[in-house]
C-alpha atoms as a PDB file:
ATOM      1  CA  MET A   1       7.384 -25.942  20.267  1.00  0.00           C
ATOM      2  CA  ALA A   2       7.231 -22.781  22.430  1.00  0.00           C
ATOM      3  CA  GLU A   3       3.590 -21.947  23.545  1.00  0.00           C
ATOM      4  CA  LEU A   4       2.463 -18.405  22.990  1.00  0.00           C
ATOM      5  CA  THR A   5       1.716 -16.113  26.005  1.00  0.00           C
ATOM      6  CA  LEU A   6      -1.161 -13.449  25.727  1.00  0.00           C
ATOM      7  CA  ASN A   7       1.596 -10.748  25.777  1.00  0.00           C
ATOM      8  CA  GLN A   8       3.320 -12.798  22.540  1.00  0.00           C
ATOM      9  CA  LEU A   9      -0.290 -12.520  21.302  1.00  0.00           C
ATOM     10  CA  ILE A  10      -1.122  -9.216  21.368  1.00  0.00           C
ATOM     11  CA  LYS A  11       2.474  -8.251  19.653  1.00  0.00           C
ATOM     12  CA  ILE A  12       1.681 -10.342  16.670  1.00  0.00           C
ATOM     13  CA  ILE A  13      -1.776  -8.969  16.560  1.00  0.00           C
ATOM     14  CA  ILE A  14      -0.492  -5.281  16.714  1.00  0.00           C
ATOM     15  CA  GLY A  15       2.234  -6.378  14.225  1.00  0.00           C
ATOM     16  CA  ILE A  16      -0.441  -6.920  11.702  1.00  0.00           C
ATOM     17  CA  LEU A  17      -1.793  -3.862  12.976  1.00  0.00           C
ATOM     18  CA  VAL A  18       0.644  -1.923  12.022  1.00  0.00           C
ATOM     19  CA  VAL A  19       1.492  -3.742   8.638  1.00  0.00           C
ATOM     20  CA  VAL A  20      -1.757  -3.092   7.170  1.00  0.00           C
ATOM     21  CA  VAL A  21      -2.122   0.303   7.988  1.00  0.00           C
ATOM     22  CA  VAL A  22       1.203   1.025   6.506  1.00  0.00           C
ATOM     23  CA  VAL A  23       0.174  -0.519   3.216  1.00  0.00           C
ATOM     24  CA  LEU A  24      -3.552   1.140   3.176  1.00  0.00           C
ATOM     25  CA  GLY A  25      -1.467   4.920   3.286  1.00  0.00           C
ATOM     26  CA  LEU A  26       0.571   3.658   0.573  1.00  0.00           C
ATOM     27  CA  TYR A  27      -1.705   2.582  -1.603  1.00  0.00           C
ATOM     28  CA  PHE A  28      -3.976   5.818  -0.883  1.00  0.00           C
ATOM     29  CA  PHE A  29      -0.973   7.875  -1.685  1.00  0.00           C
ATOM     30  CA  PHE A  30      -0.132   6.121  -4.667  1.00  0.00           C
ATOM     31  CA  LYS A  31      -3.691   6.186  -5.925  1.00  0.00           C
ATOM     32  CA  GLU A  32      -4.159  10.080  -4.927  1.00  0.00           C
ATOM     33  CA  TYR A  33      -1.149  11.410  -5.359  1.00  0.00           C
ATOM     34  CA  VAL A  34       1.499   9.490  -8.010  1.00  0.00           C
ATOM     35  CA  ILE A  35      -1.711   8.375  -9.722  1.00  0.00           C
ATOM     36  CA  GLY A  36      -2.989  11.949 -10.672  1.00  0.00           C
ATOM     37  CA  TYR A  37       0.216  13.178 -11.597  1.00  0.00           C
ATOM     38  CA  PHE A  38       0.667  10.925 -14.698  1.00  0.00           C
ATOM     39  CA  GLN A  39      -2.942  11.469 -15.876  1.00  0.00           C
ATOM     40  CA  ASP A  40      -1.921  14.951 -16.824  1.00  0.00           C
ATOM     41  CA  LEU A  41       1.087  13.808 -18.806  1.00  0.00           C
ATOM     42  CA  PRO A  42       0.704  14.606 -22.298  1.00  0.00           C
ATOM     43  CA  GLY A  43       1.379  11.040 -24.502  1.00  0.00           C
ATOM     44  CA  GLU A  44      -1.626   9.129 -23.821  1.00  0.00           C
ATOM     45  CA  GLY A  45      -0.798   6.165 -24.887  1.00  0.00           C
ATOM     46  CA  ALA A  46       2.836   5.941 -22.491  1.00  0.00           C
ATOM     47  CA  THR A  47       0.476   7.433 -19.900  1.00  0.00           C
ATOM     48  CA  ASP A  48      -2.477   4.197 -20.135  1.00  0.00           C
ATOM     49  CA  LEU A  49       0.796   2.544 -20.356  1.00  0.00           C
ATOM     50  CA  VAL A  50       2.283   3.933 -16.581  1.00  0.00           C
ATOM     51  CA  LEU A  51      -1.220   3.424 -15.134  1.00  0.00           C
ATOM     52  CA  GLY A  52      -2.089  -0.036 -15.702  1.00  0.00           C
ATOM     53  CA  LEU A  53       1.797  -1.248 -14.180  1.00  0.00           C
ATOM     54  CA  ILE A  54       0.824   0.894 -11.344  1.00  0.00           C
ATOM     55  CA  LYS A  55      -2.804  -0.087 -10.438  1.00  0.00           C
END
């Protein structure tokens, strides 16, 4: 099994941080903009269904 060098560990940590930041960014985008758009639509039954699937 190959040994992990310091450079490889740094790259792995930076990669994990980038993935976490992207996932959090997508979460906040959908939370603020997409769900806000669906809340103003008529037909509360369908809107509740869509919001339940997104959340």
